[in-house]
């Protein structure tokens, strides 16, 4: 069972993210530590990429099939990707 609920985790990360602008203004990197979560960023890699599993490949993107009706319609596809390392 996780220590935090999904909402508690989200609230913790949002709070930590909000502290970045307060405590790291003008700096190249920062690490915000909270009791239940933390955020770290810097220009250099701090992750050992040799131990990271590769991401699965994305499925191919096919162009839309031609429309057979005469009405004009527009469709927008948005893809959002978020990564959380715990």
PDB file of N, CA and C in Angstrom:
ATOM      1  N   UNK A   1       0.851  -1.175   0.000  1.00  0.00           N
ATOM      2  CA  UNK A   1       0.000   0.000   0.000  1.00  0.00           C
ATOM      3  C   UNK A   1       0.901   1.245   0.000  1.00  0.00           C
ATOM      4  N   UNK A   2       0.620   2.218  -0.862  1.00  0.00           N
ATOM      5  CA  UNK A   2       1.454   3.416  -0.928  1.00  0.00           C
ATOM      6  C   UNK A   2       1.306   4.269   0.331  1.00  0.00           C
ATOM      7  N   UNK A   3       2.365   5.032   0.631  1.00  0.00           N
ATOM      8  CA  UNK A   3       2.331   5.932   1.781  1.00  0.00           C
ATOM      9  C   UNK A   3       1.380   7.096   1.559  1.00  0.00           C
ATOM     10  N   UNK A   4       1.230   7.497   0.314  1.00  0.00           N
ATOM     11  CA  UNK A   4       0.399   8.650  -0.026  1.00  0.00           C
ATOM     12  C   UNK A   4      -0.726   8.246  -0.956  1.00  0.00           C
ATOM     13  N   UNK A   5      -1.826   8.946  -0.844  1.00  0.00           N
ATOM     14  CA  UNK A   5      -2.876   8.764  -1.844  1.00  0.00           C
ATOM     15  C   UNK A   5      -2.422   9.473  -3.120  1.00  0.00           C
ATOM     16  N   UNK A   6      -3.108   9.203  -4.198  1.00  0.00           N
ATOM     17  CA  UNK A   6      -2.777   9.852  -5.471  1.00  0.00           C
ATOM     18  C   UNK A   6      -2.872  11.372  -5.327  1.00  0.00           C
ATOM     19  N   UNK A   7      -3.913  11.849  -4.652  1.00  0.00           N
ATOM     20  CA  UNK A   7      -4.098  13.290  -4.474  1.00  0.00           C
ATOM     21  C   UNK A   7      -3.010  13.883  -3.586  1.00  0.00           C
ATOM     22  N   UNK A   8      -2.639  13.170  -2.508  1.00  0.00           N
ATOM     23  CA  UNK A   8      -1.565  13.656  -1.636  1.00  0.00           C
ATOM     24  C   UNK A   8      -0.244  13.759  -2.399  1.00  0.00           C
ATOM     25  N   UNK A   9       0.034  12.780  -3.252  1.00  0.00           N
ATOM     26  CA  UNK A   9       1.252  12.798  -4.062  1.00  0.00           C
ATOM     27  C   UNK A   9       1.234  13.987  -5.021  1.00  0.00           C
ATOM     28  N   UNK A  10       0.107  14.178  -5.691  1.00  0.00           N
ATOM     29  CA  UNK A  10      -0.032  15.303  -6.619  1.00  0.00           C
ATOM     30  C   UNK A  10       0.157  16.627  -5.890  1.00  0.00           C
ATOM     31  N   UNK A  11      -0.487  16.778  -4.729  1.00  0.00           N
ATOM     32  CA  UNK A  11      -0.361  18.013  -3.956  1.00  0.00           C
ATOM     33  C   UNK A  11       1.085  18.255  -3.535  1.00  0.00           C
ATOM     34  N   UNK A  12       1.782  17.193  -3.126  1.00  0.00           N
ATOM     35  CA  UNK A  12       3.175  17.315  -2.711  1.00  0.00           C
ATOM     36  C   UNK A  12       4.049  17.775  -3.877  1.00  0.00           C
ATOM     37  N   UNK A  13       3.872  17.154  -5.046  1.00  0.00           N
ATOM     38  CA  UNK A  13       4.678  17.527  -6.210  1.00  0.00           C
ATOM     39  C   UNK A  13       4.372  18.943  -6.685  1.00  0.00           C
ATOM     40  N   UNK A  14       3.108  19.335  -6.646  1.00  0.00           N
ATOM     41  CA  UNK A  14       2.748  20.702  -7.040  1.00  0.00           C
ATOM     42  C   UNK A  14       3.382  21.705  -6.075  1.00  0.00           C
ATOM     43  N   UNK A  15       3.355  21.392  -4.782  1.00  0.00           N
ATOM     44  CA  UNK A  15       3.991  22.268  -3.799  1.00  0.00           C
ATOM     45  C   UNK A  15       5.491  22.365  -4.013  1.00  0.00           C
ATOM     46  N   UNK A  16       6.132  21.235  -4.284  1.00  0.00           N
ATOM     47  CA  UNK A  16       7.577  21.231  -4.534  1.00  0.00           C
ATOM     48  C   UNK A  16       7.896  22.021  -5.794  1.00  0.00           C
ATOM     49  N   UNK A  17       7.104  21.841  -6.833  1.00  0.00           N
ATOM     50  CA  UNK A  17       7.312  22.576  -8.082  1.00  0.00           C
ATOM     51  C   UNK A  17       7.172  24.081  -7.849  1.00  0.00           C
ATOM     52  N   UNK A  18       6.199  24.460  -7.030  1.00  0.00           N
ATOM     53  CA  UNK A  18       6.013  25.873  -6.721  1.00  0.00           C
ATOM     54  C   UNK A  18       7.202  26.474  -5.993  1.00  0.00           C
ATOM     55  N   UNK A  19       7.923  25.667  -5.211  1.00  0.00           N
ATOM     56  CA  UNK A  19       9.102  26.150  -4.486  1.00  0.00           C
ATOM     57  C   UNK A  19      10.295  26.384  -5.398  1.00  0.00           C
ATOM     58  N   UNK A  20      10.309  25.788  -6.578  1.00  0.00           N
ATOM     59  CA  UNK A  20      11.454  25.937  -7.479  1.00  0.00           C
ATOM     60  C   UNK A  20      11.679  27.404  -7.828  1.00  0.00           C
ATOM     61  N   UNK A  21      10.629  28.118  -8.198  1.00  0.00           N
ATOM     62  CA  UNK A  21      10.803  29.521  -8.584  1.00  0.00           C
ATOM     63  C   UNK A  21      11.196  30.389  -7.392  1.00  0.00           C
ATOM     64  N   UNK A  22      10.767  30.013  -6.204  1.00  0.00           N
ATOM     65  CA  UNK A  22      11.099  30.789  -5.012  1.00  0.00           C
ATOM     66  C   UNK A  22      12.550  30.612  -4.597  1.00  0.00           C
ATOM     67  N   UNK A  23      13.023  29.366  -4.587  1.00  0.00           N
ATOM     68  CA  UNK A  23      14.334  29.072  -4.018  1.00  0.00           C
ATOM     69  C   UNK A  23      15.460  28.910  -5.036  1.00  0.00           C
ATOM     70  N   UNK A  24      15.143  28.826  -6.307  1.00  0.00           N
ATOM     71  CA  UNK A  24      16.217  28.573  -7.271  1.00  0.00           C
ATOM     72  C   UNK A  24      16.253  29.589  -8.402  1.00  0.00           C
ATOM     73  N   UNK A  25      15.699  30.759  -8.206  1.00  0.00           N
ATOM     74  CA  UNK A  25      15.679  31.779  -9.244  1.00  0.00           C
ATOM     75  C   UNK A  25      17.102  32.119  -9.678  1.00  0.00           C
ATOM     76  N   UNK A  26      17.372  32.016 -10.969  1.00  0.00           N
ATOM     77  CA  UNK A  26      18.668  32.360 -11.528  1.00  0.00           C
ATOM     78  C   UNK A  26      19.740  31.291 -11.382  1.00  0.00           C
ATOM     79  N   UNK A  27      19.389  30.139 -10.871  1.00  0.00           N
ATOM     80  CA  UNK A  27      20.370  29.064 -10.702  1.00  0.00           C
ATOM     81  C   UNK A  27      20.215  28.036 -11.816  1.00  0.00           C
ATOM     82  N   UNK A  28      21.285  27.298 -12.078  1.00  0.00           N
ATOM     83  CA  UNK A  28      21.260  26.286 -13.137  1.00  0.00           C
ATOM     84  C   UNK A  28      20.525  25.012 -12.735  1.00  0.00           C
ATOM     85  N   UNK A  29      20.393  24.772 -11.460  1.00  0.00           N
ATOM     86  CA  UNK A  29      19.739  23.555 -11.012  1.00  0.00           C
ATOM     87  C   UNK A  29      19.172  23.739  -9.625  1.00  0.00           C
ATOM     88  N   UNK A  30      18.367  22.789  -9.217  1.00  0.00           N
ATOM     89  CA  UNK A  30      17.772  22.861  -7.885  1.00  0.00           C
ATOM     90  C   UNK A  30      17.305  21.480  -7.466  1.00  0.00           C
ATOM     91  N   UNK A  31      17.172  21.333  -6.169  1.00  0.00           N
ATOM     92  CA  UNK A  31      16.602  20.115  -5.606  1.00  0.00           C
ATOM     93  C   UNK A  31      15.692  20.551  -4.469  1.00  0.00           C
ATOM     94  N   UNK A  32      14.425  20.255  -4.600  1.00  0.00           N
ATOM     95  CA  UNK A  32      13.440  20.599  -3.588  1.00  0.00           C
ATOM     96  C   UNK A  32      13.052  19.309  -2.878  1.00  0.00           C
ATOM     97  N   UNK A  33      13.312  19.255  -1.582  1.00  0.00           N
ATOM     98  CA  UNK A  33      13.013  18.060  -0.795  1.00  0.00           C
ATOM     99  C   UNK A  33      11.825  18.327   0.117  1.00  0.00           C
ATOM    100  N   UNK A  34      10.822  17.513  -0.006  1.00  0.00           N
ATOM    101  CA  UNK A  34       9.649  17.552   0.864  1.00  0.00           C
ATOM    102  C   UNK A  34       9.630  16.248   1.654  1.00  0.00           C
ATOM    103  N   UNK A  35       8.863  16.157   2.720  1.00  0.00           N
ATOM    104  CA  UNK A  35       8.821  14.903   3.482  1.00  0.00           C
ATOM    105  C   UNK A  35       8.374  13.693   2.655  1.00  0.00           C
ATOM    106  N   UNK A  36       7.505  13.911   1.675  1.00  0.00           N
ATOM    107  CA  UNK A  36       6.961  12.776   0.926  1.00  0.00           C
ATOM    108  C   UNK A  36       7.296  12.772  -0.552  1.00  0.00           C
ATOM    109  N   UNK A  37       7.994  13.786  -1.048  1.00  0.00           N
ATOM    110  CA  UNK A  37       8.344  13.821  -2.471  1.00  0.00           C
ATOM    111  C   UNK A  37       9.499  14.791  -2.666  1.00  0.00           C
ATOM    112  N   UNK A  38      10.098  14.759  -3.840  1.00  0.00           N
ATOM    113  CA  UNK A  38      11.149  15.720  -4.163  1.00  0.00           C
ATOM    114  C   UNK A  38      11.214  15.933  -5.657  1.00  0.00           C
ATOM    115  N   UNK A  39      11.753  17.076  -6.030  1.00  0.00           N
ATOM    116  CA  UNK A  39      11.964  17.426  -7.439  1.00  0.00           C
ATOM    117  C   UNK A  39      13.413  17.864  -7.574  1.00  0.00           C
ATOM    118  N   UNK A  40      14.052  17.431  -8.642  1.00  0.00           N
ATOM    119  CA  UNK A  40      15.440  17.803  -8.909  1.00  0.00           C
ATOM    120  C   UNK A  40      15.583  18.118 -10.389  1.00  0.00           C
ATOM    121  N   UNK A  41      16.298  19.171 -10.697  1.00  0.00           N
ATOM    122  CA  UNK A  41      16.633  19.452 -12.093  1.00  0.00           C
ATOM    123  C   UNK A  41      17.997  20.110 -12.145  1.00  0.00           C
ATOM    124  N   UNK A  42      18.680  19.903 -13.239  1.00  0.00           N
ATOM    125  CA  UNK A  42      19.979  20.516 -13.493  1.00  0.00           C
ATOM    126  C   UNK A  42      20.338  20.279 -14.950  1.00  0.00           C
ATOM    127  N   UNK A  43      21.255  21.070 -15.500  1.00  0.00           N
ATOM    128  CA  UNK A  43      21.590  20.919 -16.916  1.00  0.00           C
ATOM    129  C   UNK A  43      22.333  19.625 -17.232  1.00  0.00           C
ATOM    130  N   UNK A  44      23.069  19.083 -16.280  1.00  0.00           N
ATOM    131  CA  UNK A  44      23.810  17.841 -16.512  1.00  0.00           C
ATOM    132  C   UNK A  44      22.952  16.646 -16.101  1.00  0.00           C
ATOM    133  N   UNK A  45      23.211  15.514 -16.702  1.00  0.00           N
ATOM    134  CA  UNK A  45      22.470  14.303 -16.362  1.00  0.00           C
ATOM    135  C   UNK A  45      22.873  13.821 -14.972  1.00  0.00           C
ATOM    136  N   UNK A  46      21.896  13.505 -14.149  1.00  0.00           N
ATOM    137  CA  UNK A  46      22.170  12.963 -12.826  1.00  0.00           C
ATOM    138  C   UNK A  46      21.644  11.539 -12.708  1.00  0.00           C
ATOM    139  N   UNK A  47      21.309  10.959 -13.836  1.00  0.00           N
ATOM    140  CA  UNK A  47      20.737   9.623 -13.890  1.00  0.00           C
ATOM    141  C   UNK A  47      21.711   8.696 -14.599  1.00  0.00           C
ATOM    142  N   UNK A  48      21.957   7.539 -14.049  1.00  0.00           N
ATOM    143  CA  UNK A  48      22.826   6.551 -14.684  1.00  0.00           C
ATOM    144  C   UNK A  48      22.027   5.863 -15.785  1.00  0.00           C
ATOM    145  N   UNK A  49      22.214   6.293 -17.006  1.00  0.00           N
ATOM    146  CA  UNK A  49      21.418   5.777 -18.123  1.00  0.00           C
ATOM    147  C   UNK A  49      21.674   4.309 -18.417  1.00  0.00           C
ATOM    148  N   UNK A  50      22.767   3.751 -17.938  1.00  0.00           N
ATOM    149  CA  UNK A  50      23.056   2.334 -18.174  1.00  0.00           C
ATOM    150  C   UNK A  50      22.059   1.441 -17.443  1.00  0.00           C
ATOM    151  N   UNK A  51      21.449   1.949 -16.375  1.00  0.00           N
ATOM    152  CA  UNK A  51      20.510   1.154 -15.587  1.00  0.00           C
ATOM    153  C   UNK A  51      19.052   1.474 -15.878  1.00  0.00           C
ATOM    154  N   UNK A  52      18.792   2.269 -16.895  1.00  0.00           N
ATOM    155  CA  UNK A  52      17.428   2.664 -17.222  1.00  0.00           C
ATOM    156  C   UNK A  52      16.912   1.811 -18.368  1.00  0.00           C
ATOM    157  N   UNK A  53      15.744   1.230 -18.175  1.00  0.00           N
ATOM    158  CA  UNK A  53      15.136   0.424 -19.238  1.00  0.00           C
ATOM    159  C   UNK A  53      14.685   1.347 -20.367  1.00  0.00           C
ATOM    160  N   UNK A  54      14.882   0.943 -21.618  1.00  0.00           N
ATOM    161  CA  UNK A  54      14.445   1.783 -22.736  1.00  0.00           C
ATOM    162  C   UNK A  54      12.922   1.851 -22.797  1.00  0.00           C
ATOM    163  N   UNK A  55      12.429   2.974 -23.278  1.00  0.00           N
ATOM    164  CA  UNK A  55      10.989   3.129 -23.446  1.00  0.00           C
ATOM    165  C   UNK A  55      10.512   2.275 -24.607  1.00  0.00           C
ATOM    166  N   UNK A  56       9.296   1.761 -24.522  1.00  0.00           N
ATOM    167  CA  UNK A  56       8.775   0.995 -25.654  1.00  0.00           C
ATOM    168  C   UNK A  56       8.596   1.912 -26.860  1.00  0.00           C
ATOM    169  N   UNK A  57       8.739   1.345 -28.038  1.00  0.00           N
ATOM    170  CA  UNK A  57       8.602   2.160 -29.240  1.00  0.00           C
ATOM    171  C   UNK A  57       7.149   2.585 -29.422  1.00  0.00           C
ATOM    172  N   UNK A  58       6.990   3.733 -30.027  1.00  0.00           N
ATOM    173  CA  UNK A  58       5.652   4.258 -30.278  1.00  0.00           C
ATOM    174  C   UNK A  58       5.036   3.544 -31.466  1.00  0.00           C
ATOM    175  N   UNK A  59       3.720   3.399 -31.457  1.00  0.00           N
ATOM    176  CA  UNK A  59       3.080   2.801 -32.626  1.00  0.00           C
ATOM    177  C   UNK A  59       3.201   3.750 -33.813  1.00  0.00           C
ATOM    178  N   UNK A  60       3.189   3.229 -35.022  1.00  0.00           N
ATOM    179  CA  UNK A  60       3.302   4.104 -36.193  1.00  0.00           C
ATOM    180  C   UNK A  60       2.086   5.021 -36.305  1.00  0.00           C
ATOM    181  N   UNK A  61       2.324   6.199 -36.827  1.00  0.00           N
ATOM    182  CA  UNK A  61       1.240   7.155 -37.031  1.00  0.00           C
ATOM    183  C   UNK A  61       0.868   7.123 -38.504  1.00  0.00           C
ATOM    184  N   UNK A  62      -0.378   6.822 -38.764  1.00  0.00           N
ATOM    185  CA  UNK A  62      -0.868   6.743 -40.130  1.00  0.00           C
ATOM    186  C   UNK A  62      -1.620   8.021 -40.473  1.00  0.00           C
ATOM    187  N   UNK A  63      -1.501   8.484 -41.716  1.00  0.00           N
ATOM    188  CA  UNK A  63      -2.270   9.663 -42.113  1.00  0.00           C
ATOM    189  C   UNK A  63      -3.754   9.320 -42.129  1.00  0.00           C
ATOM    190  N   UNK A  64      -4.614  10.308 -41.936  1.00  0.00           N
ATOM    191  CA  UNK A  64      -6.048  10.029 -41.947  1.00  0.00           C
ATOM    192  C   UNK A  64      -6.484   9.532 -43.317  1.00  0.00           C
ATOM    193  N   UNK A  65      -7.439   8.639 -43.308  1.00  0.00           N
ATOM    194  CA  UNK A  65      -7.952   8.123 -44.575  1.00  0.00           C
ATOM    195  C   UNK A  65      -8.797   9.201 -45.243  1.00  0.00           C
ATOM    196  N   UNK A  66      -8.834   9.203 -46.569  1.00  0.00           N
ATOM    197  CA  UNK A  66      -9.608  10.227 -47.281  1.00  0.00           C
ATOM    198  C   UNK A  66     -11.082  10.152 -46.911  1.00  0.00           C
ATOM    199  N   UNK A  67     -11.678  11.315 -46.786  1.00  0.00           N
ATOM    200  CA  UNK A  67     -13.092  11.390 -46.432  1.00  0.00           C
ATOM    201  C   UNK A  67     -13.939  11.155 -47.675  1.00  0.00           C
ATOM    202  N   UNK A  68     -15.038  10.455 -47.490  1.00  0.00           N
ATOM    203  CA  UNK A  68     -15.933  10.192 -48.617  1.00  0.00           C
ATOM    204  C   UNK A  68     -17.136  11.115 -48.620  1.00  0.00           C
ATOM    205  N   UNK A  69     -17.332  11.889 -47.547  1.00  0.00           N
ATOM    206  CA  UNK A  69     -18.465  12.813 -47.551  1.00  0.00           C
ATOM    207  C   UNK A  69     -17.973  14.206 -47.922  1.00  0.00           C
ATOM    208  N   UNK A  70     -18.896  15.094 -48.228  1.00  0.00           N
ATOM    209  CA  UNK A  70     -18.517  16.407 -48.731  1.00  0.00           C
ATOM    210  C   UNK A  70     -18.467  17.470 -47.636  1.00  0.00           C
ATOM    211  N   UNK A  71     -18.746  17.115 -46.384  1.00  0.00           N
ATOM    212  CA  UNK A  71     -18.702  18.118 -45.319  1.00  0.00           C
ATOM    213  C   UNK A  71     -17.258  18.344 -44.888  1.00  0.00           C
ATOM    214  N   UNK A  72     -16.971  19.560 -44.531  1.00  0.00           N
ATOM    215  CA  UNK A  72     -15.639  19.897 -44.034  1.00  0.00           C
ATOM    216  C   UNK A  72     -15.631  19.726 -42.524  1.00  0.00           C
ATOM    217  N   UNK A  73     -14.712  18.949 -42.041  1.00  0.00           N
ATOM    218  CA  UNK A  73     -14.572  18.797 -40.592  1.00  0.00           C
ATOM    219  C   UNK A  73     -13.092  18.769 -40.266  1.00  0.00           C
ATOM    220  N   UNK A  74     -12.792  19.140 -39.063  1.00  0.00           N
ATOM    221  CA  UNK A  74     -11.405  19.184 -38.638  1.00  0.00           C
ATOM    222  C   UNK A  74     -11.280  18.415 -37.335  1.00  0.00           C
ATOM    223  N   UNK A  75     -10.230  17.637 -37.222  1.00  0.00           N
ATOM    224  CA  UNK A  75      -9.995  16.833 -36.028  1.00  0.00           C
ATOM    225  C   UNK A  75      -8.600  17.152 -35.519  1.00  0.00           C
ATOM    226  N   UNK A  76      -8.475  17.321 -34.227  1.00  0.00           N
ATOM    227  CA  UNK A  76      -7.184  17.596 -33.618  1.00  0.00           C
ATOM    228  C   UNK A  76      -6.842  16.475 -32.666  1.00  0.00           C
ATOM    229  N   UNK A  77      -5.627  15.974 -32.771  1.00  0.00           N
ATOM    230  CA  UNK A  77      -5.145  14.924 -31.890  1.00  0.00           C
ATOM    231  C   UNK A  77      -4.063  15.517 -31.009  1.00  0.00           C
ATOM    232  N   UNK A  78      -4.258  15.441 -29.705  1.00  0.00           N
ATOM    233  CA  UNK A  78      -3.266  15.927 -28.748  1.00  0.00           C
ATOM    234  C   UNK A  78      -2.745  14.750 -27.956  1.00  0.00           C
ATOM    235  N   UNK A  79      -1.434  14.693 -27.802  1.00  0.00           N
ATOM    236  CA  UNK A  79      -0.811  13.623 -27.035  1.00  0.00           C
ATOM    237  C   UNK A  79      -0.011  14.270 -25.914  1.00  0.00           C
ATOM    238  N   UNK A  80      -0.283  13.869 -24.695  1.00  0.00           N
ATOM    239  CA  UNK A  80       0.433  14.362 -23.527  1.00  0.00           C
ATOM    240  C   UNK A  80       1.165  13.195 -22.892  1.00  0.00           C
ATOM    241  N   UNK A  81       2.418  13.404 -22.571  1.00  0.00           N
ATOM    242  CA  UNK A  81       3.226  12.357 -21.952  1.00  0.00           C
ATOM    243  C   UNK A  81       3.817  12.926 -20.672  1.00  0.00           C
ATOM    244  N   UNK A  82       3.649  12.213 -19.594  1.00  0.00           N
ATOM    245  CA  UNK A  82       4.227  12.621 -18.314  1.00  0.00           C
ATOM    246  C   UNK A  82       5.019  11.464 -17.742  1.00  0.00           C
ATOM    247  N   UNK A  83       6.168  11.760 -17.174  1.00  0.00           N
ATOM    248  CA  UNK A  83       7.002  10.739 -16.559  1.00  0.00           C
ATOM    249  C   UNK A  83       7.186  11.088 -15.095  1.00  0.00           C
ATOM    250  N   UNK A  84       6.921  10.153 -14.236  1.00  0.00           N
ATOM    251  CA  UNK A  84       7.158  10.322 -12.810  1.00  0.00           C
ATOM    252  C   UNK A  84       8.050   9.187 -12.363  1.00  0.00           C
ATOM    253  N   UNK A  85       9.220   9.508 -11.854  1.00  0.00           N
ATOM    254  CA  UNK A  85      10.147   8.501 -11.342  1.00  0.00           C
ATOM    255  C   UNK A  85      10.016   8.458  -9.834  1.00  0.00           C
ATOM    256  N   UNK A  86       9.778   7.295  -9.317  1.00  0.00           N
ATOM    257  CA  UNK A  86       9.608   7.151  -7.871  1.00  0.00           C
ATOM    258  C   UNK A  86      10.722   6.296  -7.329  1.00  0.00           C
TER     259      UNK A  86
END
